[in-house]
Structures are given as C-alpha cells and as structure tokens.
Amino acid sequence: MPKQKGTMNKRAVGSHYERLATAYLLNKGYIILENNFRCKLGEIDIIASDNEYIVFIEVKYRKTKQFGYPREALTYQKIRHIVRTAQYYLKTKVGYEKACRFDVIEILGEEITHLEAAF
C-alpha cells in the first residue's frame, strides 16, 4: 500500500481496497467495465457485468468494527448519489434496457463480504 509521511491518506487507502475488491470480483467471474466512474452527479467505485446484470458497486472499508460495520457508513444521501450516477451511466453508456443491481463490498480488516442487491 502507498504511504505518505508514515501514514496513508484516505484516497490511497480507498484506492488500495478498491483494487482488492476489483480482484475479488474478477476472481468471481465478473467483468469490470469501469473503476471510479465519475460524472457531475457523483462517483461509483466499480461498475461490472455479472451475467445479465450491470452491477454498480460501492466499496466500504474499516479497519475494525469499533465504530460499526463498513456498510453502516452508506447513508441515504450517498445511496441517492450512486443511483443518480448509475442512471446517468445507463443512459449515456448502455441504454436503459439493461438490468442492473447495486452491491456493496464491505472490507473489515482483511475480510471481504459481498452484499449483492444491497439497496
């Protein structure tokens, strides 16, 4: 993992765990379409294809569960931004006729949990 002056910044930590999540998904047979898709409406960590689905994936990491599970950091406002960004992606990249779902990859310490259809 990259380090800056003895500690990692949030972006470096996030990038590291997004790469772990990407490797996990590839190992499960997903096809990665985009990493860190950004538009004026927001950002989606990973966009992948899983059989007939376009999957929009949010990656959440916490070192310990002292402050709760990583998934608990996913607020209503964040979900709303992800959904709007996904709608934009579908409209501009693939058309609306594709089935989609929203997953969360939760990384707690080094343990990965994949929550399919999380919201």
PDB file of N, CA and C in Angstrom:
ATOM      1  N   MET A   1       0.828  -1.183   0.000  1.00  0.00           N
ATOM      2  CA  MET A   1       0.000   0.000   0.000  1.00  0.00           C
ATOM      3  C   MET A   1       0.873   1.247   0.000  1.00  0.00           C
ATOM      4  N   PRO A   2       0.465   2.296  -0.720  1.00  0.00           N
ATOM      5  CA  PRO A   2       1.244   3.524  -0.730  1.00  0.00           C
ATOM      6  C   PRO A   2       1.194   4.215   0.630  1.00  0.00           C
ATOM      7  N   LYS A   3       2.286   4.871   0.984  1.00  0.00           N
ATOM      8  CA  LYS A   3       2.331   5.589   2.253  1.00  0.00           C
ATOM      9  C   LYS A   3       2.775   7.018   2.006  1.00  0.00           C
ATOM     10  N   GLN A   4       2.299   7.907   2.854  1.00  0.00           N
ATOM     11  CA  GLN A   4       2.718   9.297   2.801  1.00  0.00           C
ATOM     12  C   GLN A   4       3.147   9.710   4.196  1.00  0.00           C
ATOM     13  N   LYS A   5       4.422  10.045   4.345  1.00  0.00           N
ATOM     14  CA  LYS A   5       4.965  10.507   5.611  1.00  0.00           C
ATOM     15  C   LYS A   5       4.556   9.610   6.772  1.00  0.00           C
ATOM     16  N   GLY A   6       4.649   8.291   6.591  1.00  0.00           N
ATOM     17  CA  GLY A   6       4.368   7.363   7.673  1.00  0.00           C
ATOM     18  C   GLY A   6       2.909   6.960   7.807  1.00  0.00           C
ATOM     19  N   THR A   7       1.991   7.697   7.198  1.00  0.00           N
ATOM     20  CA  THR A   7       0.579   7.333   7.253  1.00  0.00           C
ATOM     21  C   THR A   7      -0.010   7.428   5.857  1.00  0.00           C
ATOM     22  N   MET A   8      -1.027   6.634   5.630  1.00  0.00           N
ATOM     23  CA  MET A   8      -1.686   6.679   4.329  1.00  0.00           C
ATOM     24  C   MET A   8      -2.806   7.713   4.354  1.00  0.00           C
ATOM     25  N   ASN A   9      -2.954   8.442   3.255  1.00  0.00           N
ATOM     26  CA  ASN A   9      -4.090   9.345   3.181  1.00  0.00           C
ATOM     27  C   ASN A   9      -5.333   8.554   2.786  1.00  0.00           C
ATOM     28  N   LYS A  10      -6.490   9.169   2.937  1.00  0.00           N
ATOM     29  CA  LYS A  10      -7.757   8.464   2.685  1.00  0.00           C
ATOM     30  C   LYS A  10      -7.876   7.976   1.242  1.00  0.00           C
ATOM     31  N   ARG A  11      -7.398   8.767   0.296  1.00  0.00           N
ATOM     32  CA  ARG A  11      -7.503   8.376  -1.111  1.00  0.00           C
ATOM     33  C   ARG A  11      -6.649   7.140  -1.394  1.00  0.00           C
ATOM     34  N   ALA A  12      -5.451   7.092  -0.824  1.00  0.00           N
ATOM     35  CA  ALA A  12      -4.577   5.926  -1.026  1.00  0.00           C
ATOM     36  C   ALA A  12      -5.184   4.683  -0.394  1.00  0.00           C
ATOM     37  N   VAL A  13      -5.751   4.830   0.790  1.00  0.00           N
ATOM     38  CA  VAL A  13      -6.406   3.693   1.451  1.00  0.00           C
ATOM     39  C   VAL A  13      -7.577   3.221   0.605  1.00  0.00           C
ATOM     40  N   GLY A  14      -8.424   4.156   0.175  1.00  0.00           N
ATOM     41  CA  GLY A  14      -9.580   3.806  -0.646  1.00  0.00           C
ATOM     42  C   GLY A  14      -9.179   3.110  -1.937  1.00  0.00           C
ATOM     43  N   SER A  15      -8.155   3.623  -2.592  1.00  0.00           N
ATOM     44  CA  SER A  15      -7.691   3.016  -3.846  1.00  0.00           C
ATOM     45  C   SER A  15      -7.187   1.598  -3.617  1.00  0.00           C
ATOM     46  N   HIS A  16      -6.461   1.400  -2.533  1.00  0.00           N
ATOM     47  CA  HIS A  16      -5.950   0.059  -2.221  1.00  0.00           C
ATOM     48  C   HIS A  16      -7.106  -0.937  -2.062  1.00  0.00           C
ATOM     49  N   TYR A  17      -8.107  -0.583  -1.280  1.00  0.00           N
ATOM     50  CA  TYR A  17      -9.205  -1.513  -1.022  1.00  0.00           C
ATOM     51  C   TYR A  17     -10.129  -1.656  -2.232  1.00  0.00           C
ATOM     52  N   GLU A  18     -10.224  -0.640  -3.071  1.00  0.00           N
ATOM     53  CA  GLU A  18     -10.967  -0.786  -4.325  1.00  0.00           C
ATOM     54  C   GLU A  18     -10.250  -1.766  -5.255  1.00  0.00           C
ATOM     55  N   ARG A  19      -8.911  -1.760  -5.262  1.00  0.00           N
ATOM     56  CA  ARG A  19      -8.166  -2.738  -6.061  1.00  0.00           C
ATOM     57  C   ARG A  19      -8.389  -4.156  -5.521  1.00  0.00           C
ATOM     58  N   LEU A  20      -8.417  -4.298  -4.199  1.00  0.00           N
ATOM     59  CA  LEU A  20      -8.711  -5.616  -3.615  1.00  0.00           C
ATOM     60  C   LEU A  20     -10.106  -6.085  -4.017  1.00  0.00           C
ATOM     61  N   ALA A  21     -11.071  -5.180  -3.965  1.00  0.00           N
ATOM     62  CA  ALA A  21     -12.445  -5.518  -4.347  1.00  0.00           C
ATOM     63  C   ALA A  21     -12.518  -5.898  -5.825  1.00  0.00           C
ATOM     64  N   THR A  22     -11.790  -5.177  -6.669  1.00  0.00           N
ATOM     65  CA  THR A  22     -11.764  -5.493  -8.100  1.00  0.00           C
ATOM     66  C   THR A  22     -11.199  -6.889  -8.326  1.00  0.00           C
ATOM     67  N   ALA A  23     -10.105  -7.213  -7.653  1.00  0.00           N
ATOM     68  CA  ALA A  23      -9.504  -8.546  -7.781  1.00  0.00           C
ATOM     69  C   ALA A  23     -10.472  -9.622  -7.305  1.00  0.00           C
ATOM     70  N   TYR A  24     -11.176  -9.349  -6.225  1.00  0.00           N
ATOM     71  CA  TYR A  24     -12.172 -10.285  -5.691  1.00  0.00           C
ATOM     72  C   TYR A  24     -13.265 -10.547  -6.727  1.00  0.00           C
ATOM     73  N   LEU A  25     -13.766  -9.480  -7.346  1.00  0.00           N
ATOM     74  CA  LEU A  25     -14.832  -9.617  -8.348  1.00  0.00           C
ATOM     75  C   LEU A  25     -14.350 -10.360  -9.586  1.00  0.00           C
ATOM     76  N   LEU A  26     -13.144 -10.058 -10.044  1.00  0.00           N
ATOM     77  CA  LEU A  26     -12.581 -10.767 -11.195  1.00  0.00           C
ATOM     78  C   LEU A  26     -12.468 -12.259 -10.905  1.00  0.00           C
ATOM     79  N   ASN A  27     -12.062 -12.583  -9.682  1.00  0.00           N
ATOM     80  CA  ASN A  27     -11.952 -13.980  -9.262  1.00  0.00           C
ATOM     81  C   ASN A  27     -13.311 -14.683  -9.262  1.00  0.00           C
ATOM     82  N   LYS A  28     -14.386 -13.924  -9.026  1.00  0.00           N
ATOM     83  CA  LYS A  28     -15.742 -14.475  -9.041  1.00  0.00           C
ATOM     84  C   LYS A  28     -16.337 -14.525 -10.452  1.00  0.00           C
ATOM     85  N   GLY A  29     -15.588 -14.059 -11.452  1.00  0.00           N
ATOM     86  CA  GLY A  29     -16.070 -14.130 -12.827  1.00  0.00           C
ATOM     87  C   GLY A  29     -16.737 -12.865 -13.347  1.00  0.00           C
ATOM     88  N   TYR A  30     -16.720 -11.796 -12.579  1.00  0.00           N
ATOM     89  CA  TYR A  30     -17.290 -10.528 -13.039  1.00  0.00           C
ATOM     90  C   TYR A  30     -16.375  -9.931 -14.108  1.00  0.00           C
ATOM     91  N   ILE A  31     -16.961  -9.154 -14.991  1.00  0.00           N
ATOM     92  CA  ILE A  31     -16.201  -8.389 -15.973  1.00  0.00           C
ATOM     93  C   ILE A  31     -16.239  -6.932 -15.518  1.00  0.00           C
ATOM     94  N   ILE A  32     -15.090  -6.348 -15.290  1.00  0.00           N
ATOM     95  CA  ILE A  32     -15.020  -4.965 -14.822  1.00  0.00           C
ATOM     96  C   ILE A  32     -15.181  -4.034 -16.021  1.00  0.00           C
ATOM     97  N   LEU A  33     -16.170  -3.161 -15.947  1.00  0.00           N
ATOM     98  CA  LEU A  33     -16.435  -2.208 -17.020  1.00  0.00           C
ATOM     99  C   LEU A  33     -15.780  -0.851 -16.735  1.00  0.00           C
ATOM    100  N   GLU A  34     -15.802  -0.436 -15.480  1.00  0.00           N
ATOM    101  CA  GLU A  34     -15.247   0.869 -15.097  1.00  0.00           C
ATOM    102  C   GLU A  34     -14.795   0.809 -13.639  1.00  0.00           C
ATOM    103  N   ASN A  35     -13.721   1.519 -13.352  1.00  0.00           N
ATOM    104  CA  ASN A  35     -13.309   1.782 -11.972  1.00  0.00           C
ATOM    105  C   ASN A  35     -13.386   3.281 -11.769  1.00  0.00           C
ATOM    106  N   ASN A  36     -13.920   3.691 -10.635  1.00  0.00           N
ATOM    107  CA  ASN A  36     -14.020   5.106 -10.284  1.00  0.00           C
ATOM    108  C   ASN A  36     -14.678   5.939 -11.386  1.00  0.00           C
ATOM    109  N   PHE A  37     -15.864   5.500 -11.804  1.00  0.00           N
ATOM    110  CA  PHE A  37     -16.620   6.257 -12.803  1.00  0.00           C
ATOM    111  C   PHE A  37     -17.108   7.545 -12.154  1.00  0.00           C
ATOM    112  N   ARG A  38     -16.776   8.678 -12.792  1.00  0.00           N
ATOM    113  CA  ARG A  38     -17.179   9.981 -12.260  1.00  0.00           C
ATOM    114  C   ARG A  38     -17.954  10.751 -13.317  1.00  0.00           C
ATOM    115  N   CYS A  39     -18.948  11.475 -12.833  1.00  0.00           N
ATOM    116  CA  CYS A  39     -19.657  12.429 -13.668  1.00  0.00           C
ATOM    117  C   CYS A  39     -20.111  13.562 -12.750  1.00  0.00           C
ATOM    118  N   LYS A  40     -20.839  14.505 -13.291  1.00  0.00           N
ATOM    119  CA  LYS A  40     -21.263  15.663 -12.489  1.00  0.00           C
ATOM    120  C   LYS A  40     -22.189  15.267 -11.330  1.00  0.00           C
ATOM    121  N   LEU A  41     -22.784  14.081 -11.398  1.00  0.00           N
ATOM    122  CA  LEU A  41     -23.740  13.650 -10.371  1.00  0.00           C
ATOM    123  C   LEU A  41     -23.104  12.877  -9.221  1.00  0.00           C
ATOM    124  N   GLY A  42     -21.897  12.365  -9.441  1.00  0.00           N
ATOM    125  CA  GLY A  42     -21.263  11.606  -8.379  1.00  0.00           C
ATOM    126  C   GLY A  42     -20.230  10.630  -8.906  1.00  0.00           C
ATOM    127  N   GLU A  43     -19.898   9.649  -8.071  1.00  0.00           N
ATOM    128  CA  GLU A  43     -18.896   8.653  -8.409  1.00  0.00           C
ATOM    129  C   GLU A  43     -19.382   7.277  -8.005  1.00  0.00           C
ATOM    130  N   ILE A  44     -19.004   6.288  -8.807  1.00  0.00           N
ATOM    131  CA  ILE A  44     -19.268   4.880  -8.476  1.00  0.00           C
ATOM    132  C   ILE A  44     -17.921   4.182  -8.470  1.00  0.00           C
ATOM    133  N   ASP A  45     -17.646   3.447  -7.389  1.00  0.00           N
ATOM    134  CA  ASP A  45     -16.338   2.815  -7.229  1.00  0.00           C
ATOM    135  C   ASP A  45     -16.039   1.810  -8.336  1.00  0.00           C
ATOM    136  N   ILE A  46     -16.970   0.874  -8.561  1.00  0.00           N
ATOM    137  CA  ILE A  46     -16.759  -0.172  -9.570  1.00  0.00           C
ATOM    138  C   ILE A  46     -18.067  -0.398 -10.323  1.00  0.00           C
ATOM    139  N   ILE A  47     -17.967  -0.504 -11.631  1.00  0.00           N
ATOM    140  CA  ILE A  47     -19.103  -0.920 -12.455  1.00  0.00           C
ATOM    141  C   ILE A  47     -18.661  -2.198 -13.152  1.00  0.00           C
ATOM    142  N   ALA A  48     -19.475  -3.242 -13.018  1.00  0.00           N
ATOM    143  CA  ALA A  48     -19.099  -4.547 -13.550  1.00  0.00           C
ATOM    144  C   ALA A  48     -20.293  -5.197 -14.230  1.00  0.00           C
ATOM    145  N   SER A  49     -19.990  -6.260 -14.954  1.00  0.00           N
ATOM    146  CA  SER A  49     -21.018  -7.070 -15.580  1.00  0.00           C
ATOM    147  C   SER A  49     -21.017  -8.437 -14.908  1.00  0.00           C
ATOM    148  N   ASP A  50     -22.202  -8.884 -14.501  1.00  0.00           N
ATOM    149  CA  ASP A  50     -22.381 -10.206 -13.901  1.00  0.00           C
ATOM    150  C   ASP A  50     -23.544 -10.867 -14.629  1.00  0.00           C
ATOM    151  N   ASN A  51     -23.206 -11.690 -15.606  1.00  0.00           N
ATOM    152  CA  ASN A  51     -24.213 -12.311 -16.472  1.00  0.00           C
ATOM    153  C   ASN A  51     -25.070 -11.238 -17.113  1.00  0.00           C
ATOM    154  N   GLU A  52     -26.375 -11.229 -16.823  1.00  0.00           N
ATOM    155  CA  GLU A  52     -27.259 -10.271 -17.497  1.00  0.00           C
ATOM    156  C   GLU A  52     -27.326  -8.914 -16.792  1.00  0.00           C
ATOM    157  N   TYR A  53     -26.617  -8.739 -15.688  1.00  0.00           N
ATOM    158  CA  TYR A  53     -26.696  -7.507 -14.897  1.00  0.00           C
ATOM    159  C   TYR A  53     -25.503  -6.582 -15.099  1.00  0.00           C
ATOM    160  N   ILE A  54     -25.794  -5.295 -15.114  1.00  0.00           N
ATOM    161  CA  ILE A  54     -24.775  -4.280 -14.882  1.00  0.00           C
ATOM    162  C   ILE A  54     -24.827  -4.053 -13.369  1.00  0.00           C
ATOM    163  N   VAL A  55     -23.676  -4.174 -12.716  1.00  0.00           N
ATOM    164  CA  VAL A  55     -23.634  -4.084 -11.252  1.00  0.00           C
ATOM    165  C   VAL A  55     -22.851  -2.842 -10.860  1.00  0.00           C
ATOM    166  N   PHE A  56     -23.488  -1.995 -10.064  1.00  0.00           N
ATOM    167  CA  PHE A  56     -22.866  -0.786  -9.541  1.00  0.00           C
ATOM    168  C   PHE A  56     -22.446  -1.111  -8.110  1.00  0.00           C
ATOM    169  N   ILE A  57     -21.147  -0.989  -7.843  1.00  0.00           N
ATOM    170  CA  ILE A  57     -20.598  -1.500  -6.591  1.00  0.00           C
ATOM    171  C   ILE A  57     -19.933  -0.382  -5.798  1.00  0.00           C
ATOM    172  N   GLU A  58     -20.343  -0.260  -4.558  1.00  0.00           N
ATOM    173  CA  GLU A  58     -19.733   0.665  -3.610  1.00  0.00           C
ATOM    174  C   GLU A  58     -18.823  -0.150  -2.698  1.00  0.00           C
ATOM    175  N   VAL A  59     -17.589   0.316  -2.526  1.00  0.00           N
ATOM    176  CA  VAL A  59     -16.623  -0.372  -1.661  1.00  0.00           C
ATOM    177  C   VAL A  59     -16.512   0.413  -0.360  1.00  0.00           C
ATOM    178  N   LYS A  60     -16.689  -0.280   0.748  1.00  0.00           N
ATOM    179  CA  LYS A  60     -16.589   0.342   2.070  1.00  0.00           C
ATOM    180  C   LYS A  60     -15.588  -0.426   2.906  1.00  0.00           C
ATOM    181  N   TYR A  61     -14.669   0.298   3.562  1.00  0.00           N
ATOM    182  CA  TYR A  61     -13.616  -0.317   4.364  1.00  0.00           C
ATOM    183  C   TYR A  61     -13.574   0.303   5.760  1.00  0.00           C
ATOM    184  N   ARG A  62     -13.335  -0.546   6.737  1.00  0.00           N
ATOM    185  CA  ARG A  62     -12.975  -0.117   8.085  1.00  0.00           C
ATOM    186  C   ARG A  62     -11.966  -1.111   8.637  1.00  0.00           C
ATOM    187  N   LYS A  63     -11.049  -0.596   9.405  1.00  0.00           N
ATOM    188  CA  LYS A  63     -10.006  -1.432   9.995  1.00  0.00           C
ATOM    189  C   LYS A  63     -10.584  -2.374  11.048  1.00  0.00           C
ATOM    190  N   THR A  64     -11.502  -1.837  11.872  1.00  0.00           N
ATOM    191  CA  THR A  64     -12.174  -2.628  12.903  1.00  0.00           C
ATOM    192  C   THR A  64     -13.643  -2.240  12.926  1.00  0.00           C
ATOM    193  N   LYS A  65     -14.440  -2.980  13.690  1.00  0.00           N
ATOM    194  CA  LYS A  65     -15.859  -2.608  13.801  1.00  0.00           C
ATOM    195  C   LYS A  65     -16.142  -1.791  15.061  1.00  0.00           C
ATOM    196  N   GLN A  66     -15.106  -1.156  15.579  1.00  0.00           N
ATOM    197  CA  GLN A  66     -15.251  -0.291  16.749  1.00  0.00           C
ATOM    198  C   GLN A  66     -16.334   0.770  16.529  1.00  0.00           C
ATOM    199  N   PHE A  67     -16.424   1.286  15.329  1.00  0.00           N
ATOM    200  CA  PHE A  67     -17.424   2.310  15.014  1.00  0.00           C
ATOM    201  C   PHE A  67     -18.522   1.764  14.113  1.00  0.00           C
ATOM    202  N   GLY A  68     -18.695   0.451  14.088  1.00  0.00           N
ATOM    203  CA  GLY A  68     -19.726  -0.190  13.292  1.00  0.00           C
ATOM    204  C   GLY A  68     -19.152  -0.836  12.045  1.00  0.00           C
ATOM    205  N   TYR A  69     -20.004  -1.532  11.341  1.00  0.00           N
ATOM    206  CA  TYR A  69     -19.608  -2.198  10.096  1.00  0.00           C
ATOM    207  C   TYR A  69     -19.442  -1.167   8.989  1.00  0.00           C
ATOM    208  N   PRO A  70     -18.573  -1.444   8.036  1.00  0.00           N
ATOM    209  CA  PRO A  70     -18.368  -0.501   6.930  1.00  0.00           C
ATOM    210  C   PRO A  70     -19.660  -0.138   6.205  1.00  0.00           C
ATOM    211  N   ARG A  71     -20.540  -1.110   6.016  1.00  0.00           N
ATOM    212  CA  ARG A  71     -21.801  -0.846   5.292  1.00  0.00           C
ATOM    213  C   ARG A  71     -22.642   0.224   5.976  1.00  0.00           C
ATOM    214  N   GLU A  72     -22.456   0.390   7.277  1.00  0.00           N
ATOM    215  CA  GLU A  72     -23.238   1.385   8.009  1.00  0.00           C
ATOM    216  C   GLU A  72     -22.854   2.821   7.656  1.00  0.00           C
ATOM    217  N   ALA A  73     -21.732   2.994   6.966  1.00  0.00           N
ATOM    218  CA  ALA A  73     -21.313   4.322   6.517  1.00  0.00           C
ATOM    219  C   ALA A  73     -22.028   4.743   5.238  1.00  0.00           C
ATOM    220  N   LEU A  74     -22.837   3.865   4.683  1.00  0.00           N
ATOM    221  CA  LEU A  74     -23.569   4.158   3.458  1.00  0.00           C
ATOM    222  C   LEU A  74     -24.872   4.870   3.819  1.00  0.00           C
ATOM    223  N   THR A  75     -24.882   6.171   3.661  1.00  0.00           N
ATOM    224  CA  THR A  75     -26.031   6.985   4.037  1.00  0.00           C
ATOM    225  C   THR A  75     -27.065   7.042   2.913  1.00  0.00           C
ATOM    226  N   TYR A  76     -28.248   7.500   3.267  1.00  0.00           N
ATOM    227  CA  TYR A  76     -29.304   7.689   2.270  1.00  0.00           C
ATOM    228  C   TYR A  76     -28.825   8.639   1.172  1.00  0.00           C
ATOM    229  N   GLN A  77     -28.156   9.707   1.561  1.00  0.00           N
ATOM    230  CA  GLN A  77     -27.671  10.687   0.584  1.00  0.00           C
ATOM    231  C   GLN A  77     -26.651  10.041  -0.358  1.00  0.00           C
ATOM    232  N   LYS A  78     -25.740   9.237   0.169  1.00  0.00           N
ATOM    233  CA  LYS A  78     -24.741   8.559  -0.674  1.00  0.00           C
ATOM    234  C   LYS A  78     -25.427   7.589  -1.636  1.00  0.00           C
ATOM    235  N   ILE A  79     -26.412   6.841  -1.138  1.00  0.00           N
ATOM    236  CA  ILE A  79     -27.165   5.916  -1.995  1.00  0.00           C
ATOM    237  C   ILE A  79     -27.852   6.684  -3.119  1.00  0.00           C
ATOM    238  N   ARG A  80     -28.447   7.803  -2.784  1.00  0.00           N
ATOM    239  CA  ARG A  80     -29.131   8.623  -3.792  1.00  0.00           C
ATOM    240  C   ARG A  80     -28.161   9.091  -4.876  1.00  0.00           C
ATOM    241  N   HIS A  81     -26.952   9.497  -4.485  1.00  0.00           N
ATOM    242  CA  HIS A  81     -25.937   9.912  -5.458  1.00  0.00           C
ATOM    243  C   HIS A  81     -25.512   8.743  -6.343  1.00  0.00           C
ATOM    244  N   ILE A  82     -25.349   7.573  -5.753  1.00  0.00           N
ATOM    245  CA  ILE A  82     -24.959   6.390  -6.521  1.00  0.00           C
ATOM    246  C   ILE A  82     -26.041   6.038  -7.539  1.00  0.00           C
ATOM    247  N   VAL A  83     -27.297   6.056  -7.112  1.00  0.00           N
ATOM    248  CA  VAL A  83     -28.403   5.718  -8.014  1.00  0.00           C
ATOM    249  C   VAL A  83     -28.485   6.721  -9.165  1.00  0.00           C
ATOM    250  N   ARG A  84     -28.366   7.990  -8.866  1.00  0.00           N
ATOM    251  CA  ARG A  84     -28.427   9.005  -9.934  1.00  0.00           C
ATOM    252  C   ARG A  84     -27.246   8.867 -10.894  1.00  0.00           C
ATOM    253  N   THR A  85     -26.080   8.583 -10.355  1.00  0.00           N
ATOM    254  CA  THR A  85     -24.901   8.388 -11.200  1.00  0.00           C
ATOM    255  C   THR A  85     -25.076   7.146 -12.068  1.00  0.00           C
ATOM    256  N   ALA A  86     -25.658   6.096 -11.501  1.00  0.00           N
ATOM    257  CA  ALA A  86     -25.929   4.866 -12.257  1.00  0.00           C
ATOM    258  C   ALA A  86     -26.925   5.140 -13.378  1.00  0.00           C
ATOM    259  N   GLN A  87     -27.954   5.926 -13.106  1.00  0.00           N
ATOM    260  CA  GLN A  87     -28.919   6.275 -14.151  1.00  0.00           C
ATOM    261  C   GLN A  87     -28.236   7.019 -15.292  1.00  0.00           C
ATOM    262  N   TYR A  88     -27.355   7.935 -14.956  1.00  0.00           N
ATOM    263  CA  TYR A  88     -26.599   8.671 -15.977  1.00  0.00           C
ATOM    264  C   TYR A  88     -25.736   7.712 -16.785  1.00  0.00           C
ATOM    265  N   TYR A  89     -25.058   6.798 -16.101  1.00  0.00           N
ATOM    266  CA  TYR A  89     -24.206   5.819 -16.785  1.00  0.00           C
ATOM    267  C   TYR A  89     -25.026   4.971 -17.756  1.00  0.00           C
ATOM    268  N   LEU A  90     -26.157   4.471 -17.284  1.00  0.00           N
ATOM    269  CA  LEU A  90     -27.016   3.645 -18.141  1.00  0.00           C
ATOM    270  C   LEU A  90     -27.493   4.431 -19.356  1.00  0.00           C
ATOM    271  N   LYS A  91     -27.902   5.652 -19.132  1.00  0.00           N
ATOM    272  CA  LYS A  91     -28.423   6.475 -20.223  1.00  0.00           C
ATOM    273  C   LYS A  91     -27.350   6.792 -21.260  1.00  0.00           C
ATOM    274  N   THR A  92     -26.139   7.083 -20.800  1.00  0.00           N
ATOM    275  CA  THR A  92     -25.103   7.530 -21.730  1.00  0.00           C
ATOM    276  C   THR A  92     -24.226   6.411 -22.271  1.00  0.00           C
ATOM    277  N   LYS A  93     -24.138   5.285 -21.569  1.00  0.00           N
ATOM    278  CA  LYS A  93     -23.203   4.233 -21.978  1.00  0.00           C
ATOM    279  C   LYS A  93     -23.872   2.977 -22.521  1.00  0.00           C
ATOM    280  N   VAL A  94     -25.017   2.568 -21.965  1.00  0.00           N
ATOM    281  CA  VAL A  94     -25.584   1.278 -22.370  1.00  0.00           C
ATOM    282  C   VAL A  94     -27.067   1.330 -22.715  1.00  0.00           C
ATOM    283  N   GLY A  95     -27.733   2.382 -22.420  1.00  0.00           N
ATOM    284  CA  GLY A  95     -29.174   2.430 -22.641  1.00  0.00           C
ATOM    285  C   GLY A  95     -29.904   1.874 -21.430  1.00  0.00           C
ATOM    286  N   TYR A  96     -31.166   2.212 -21.304  1.00  0.00           N
ATOM    287  CA  TYR A  96     -31.932   1.824 -20.120  1.00  0.00           C
ATOM    288  C   TYR A  96     -32.422   0.387 -20.139  1.00  0.00           C
ATOM    289  N   GLU A  97     -32.281  -0.320 -21.220  1.00  0.00           N
ATOM    290  CA  GLU A  97     -32.870  -1.651 -21.340  1.00  0.00           C
ATOM    291  C   GLU A  97     -32.045  -2.762 -20.696  1.00  0.00           C
ATOM    292  N   LYS A  98     -31.082  -2.417 -19.881  1.00  0.00           N
ATOM    293  CA  LYS A  98     -30.213  -3.396 -19.243  1.00  0.00           C
ATOM    294  C   LYS A  98     -30.583  -3.520 -17.762  1.00  0.00           C
ATOM    295  N   ALA A  99     -30.709  -4.764 -17.294  1.00  0.00           N
ATOM    296  CA  ALA A  99     -30.994  -4.997 -15.877  1.00  0.00           C
ATOM    297  C   ALA A  99     -29.775  -4.591 -15.051  1.00  0.00           C
ATOM    298  N   CYS A 100     -30.026  -4.002 -13.892  1.00  0.00           N
ATOM    299  CA  CYS A 100     -28.913  -3.608 -13.047  1.00  0.00           C
ATOM    300  C   CYS A 100     -29.227  -3.897 -11.587  1.00  0.00           C
ATOM    301  N   ARG A 101     -28.167  -3.869 -10.780  1.00  0.00           N
ATOM    302  CA  ARG A 101     -28.335  -4.004  -9.333  1.00  0.00           C
ATOM    303  C   ARG A 101     -27.222  -3.224  -8.650  1.00  0.00           C
ATOM    304  N   PHE A 102     -27.403  -3.024  -7.364  1.00  0.00           N
ATOM    305  CA  PHE A 102     -26.462  -2.246  -6.569  1.00  0.00           C
ATOM    306  C   PHE A 102     -25.916  -3.137  -5.455  1.00  0.00           C
ATOM    307  N   ASP A 103     -24.610  -3.355  -5.481  1.00  0.00           N
ATOM    308  CA  ASP A 103     -23.939  -4.192  -4.496  1.00  0.00           C
ATOM    309  C   ASP A 103     -23.031  -3.338  -3.612  1.00  0.00           C
ATOM    310  N   VAL A 104     -22.683  -3.902  -2.473  1.00  0.00           N
ATOM    311  CA  VAL A 104     -21.679  -3.303  -1.596  1.00  0.00           C
ATOM    312  C   VAL A 104     -20.627  -4.364  -1.320  1.00  0.00           C
ATOM    313  N   ILE A 105     -19.373  -3.971  -1.447  1.00  0.00           N
ATOM    314  CA  ILE A 105     -18.279  -4.828  -1.000  1.00  0.00           C
ATOM    315  C   ILE A 105     -17.773  -4.191   0.277  1.00  0.00           C
ATOM    316  N   GLU A 106     -17.922  -4.948   1.350  1.00  0.00           N
ATOM    317  CA  GLU A 106     -17.533  -4.488   2.674  1.00  0.00           C
ATOM    318  C   GLU A 106     -16.220  -5.174   3.039  1.00  0.00           C
ATOM    319  N   ILE A 107     -15.229  -4.370   3.404  1.00  0.00           N
ATOM    320  CA  ILE A 107     -13.947  -4.921   3.832  1.00  0.00           C
ATOM    321  C   ILE A 107     -13.725  -4.480   5.273  1.00  0.00           C
ATOM    322  N   LEU A 108     -13.687  -5.464   6.146  1.00  0.00           N
ATOM    323  CA  LEU A 108     -13.481  -5.223   7.576  1.00  0.00           C
ATOM    324  C   LEU A 108     -12.161  -5.879   7.946  1.00  0.00           C
ATOM    325  N   GLY A 109     -11.155  -5.066   8.203  1.00  0.00           N
ATOM    326  CA  GLY A 109      -9.811  -5.607   8.377  1.00  0.00           C
ATOM    327  C   GLY A 109      -9.358  -6.152   7.038  1.00  0.00           C
ATOM    328  N   GLU A 110      -9.193  -7.469   6.956  1.00  0.00           N
ATOM    329  CA  GLU A 110      -8.841  -8.114   5.682  1.00  0.00           C
ATOM    330  C   GLU A 110      -9.957  -9.033   5.179  1.00  0.00           C
ATOM    331  N   GLU A 111     -11.104  -9.037   5.861  1.00  0.00           N
ATOM    332  CA  GLU A 111     -12.226  -9.895   5.480  1.00  0.00           C
ATOM    333  C   GLU A 111     -13.154  -9.173   4.512  1.00  0.00           C
ATOM    334  N   ILE A 112     -13.421  -9.822   3.380  1.00  0.00           N
ATOM    335  CA  ILE A 112     -14.289  -9.238   2.352  1.00  0.00           C
ATOM    336  C   ILE A 112     -15.663  -9.898   2.414  1.00  0.00           C
ATOM    337  N   THR A 113     -16.699  -9.072   2.461  1.00  0.00           N
ATOM    338  CA  THR A 113     -18.081  -9.536   2.392  1.00  0.00           C
ATOM    339  C   THR A 113     -18.734  -8.859   1.201  1.00  0.00           C
ATOM    340  N   HIS A 114     -19.351  -9.651   0.329  1.00  0.00           N
ATOM    341  CA  HIS A 114     -20.020  -9.127  -0.864  1.00  0.00           C
ATOM    342  C   HIS A 114     -21.525  -9.163  -0.610  1.00  0.00           C
ATOM    343  N   LEU A 115     -22.118  -7.987  -0.524  1.00  0.00           N
ATOM    344  CA  LEU A 115     -23.565  -7.882  -0.303  1.00  0.00           C
ATOM    345  C   LEU A 115     -24.234  -7.585  -1.640  1.00  0.00           C
ATOM    346  N   GLU A 116     -24.797  -8.619  -2.262  1.00  0.00           N
ATOM    347  CA  GLU A 116     -25.463  -8.447  -3.552  1.00  0.00           C
ATOM    348  C   GLU A 116     -26.839  -7.822  -3.341  1.00  0.00           C
ATOM    349  N   ALA A 117     -27.238  -6.970  -4.277  1.00  0.00           N
ATOM    350  CA  ALA A 117     -28.529  -6.284  -4.206  1.00  0.00           C
ATOM    351  C   ALA A 117     -28.705  -5.625  -2.828  1.00  0.00           C
ATOM    352  N   ALA A 118     -27.700  -4.880  -2.397  1.00  0.00           N
ATOM    353  CA  ALA A 118     -27.687  -4.287  -1.061  1.00  0.00           C
ATOM    354  C   ALA A 118     -28.711  -3.156  -0.919  1.00  0.00           C
ATOM    355  N   PHE A 119     -29.016  -2.488  -2.025  1.00  0.00           N
ATOM    356  CA  PHE A 119     -30.042  -1.430  -1.992  1.00  0.00           C
ATOM    357  C   PHE A 119     -30.641  -1.260  -3.362  1.00  0.00           C
TER     358      PHE A 119
END
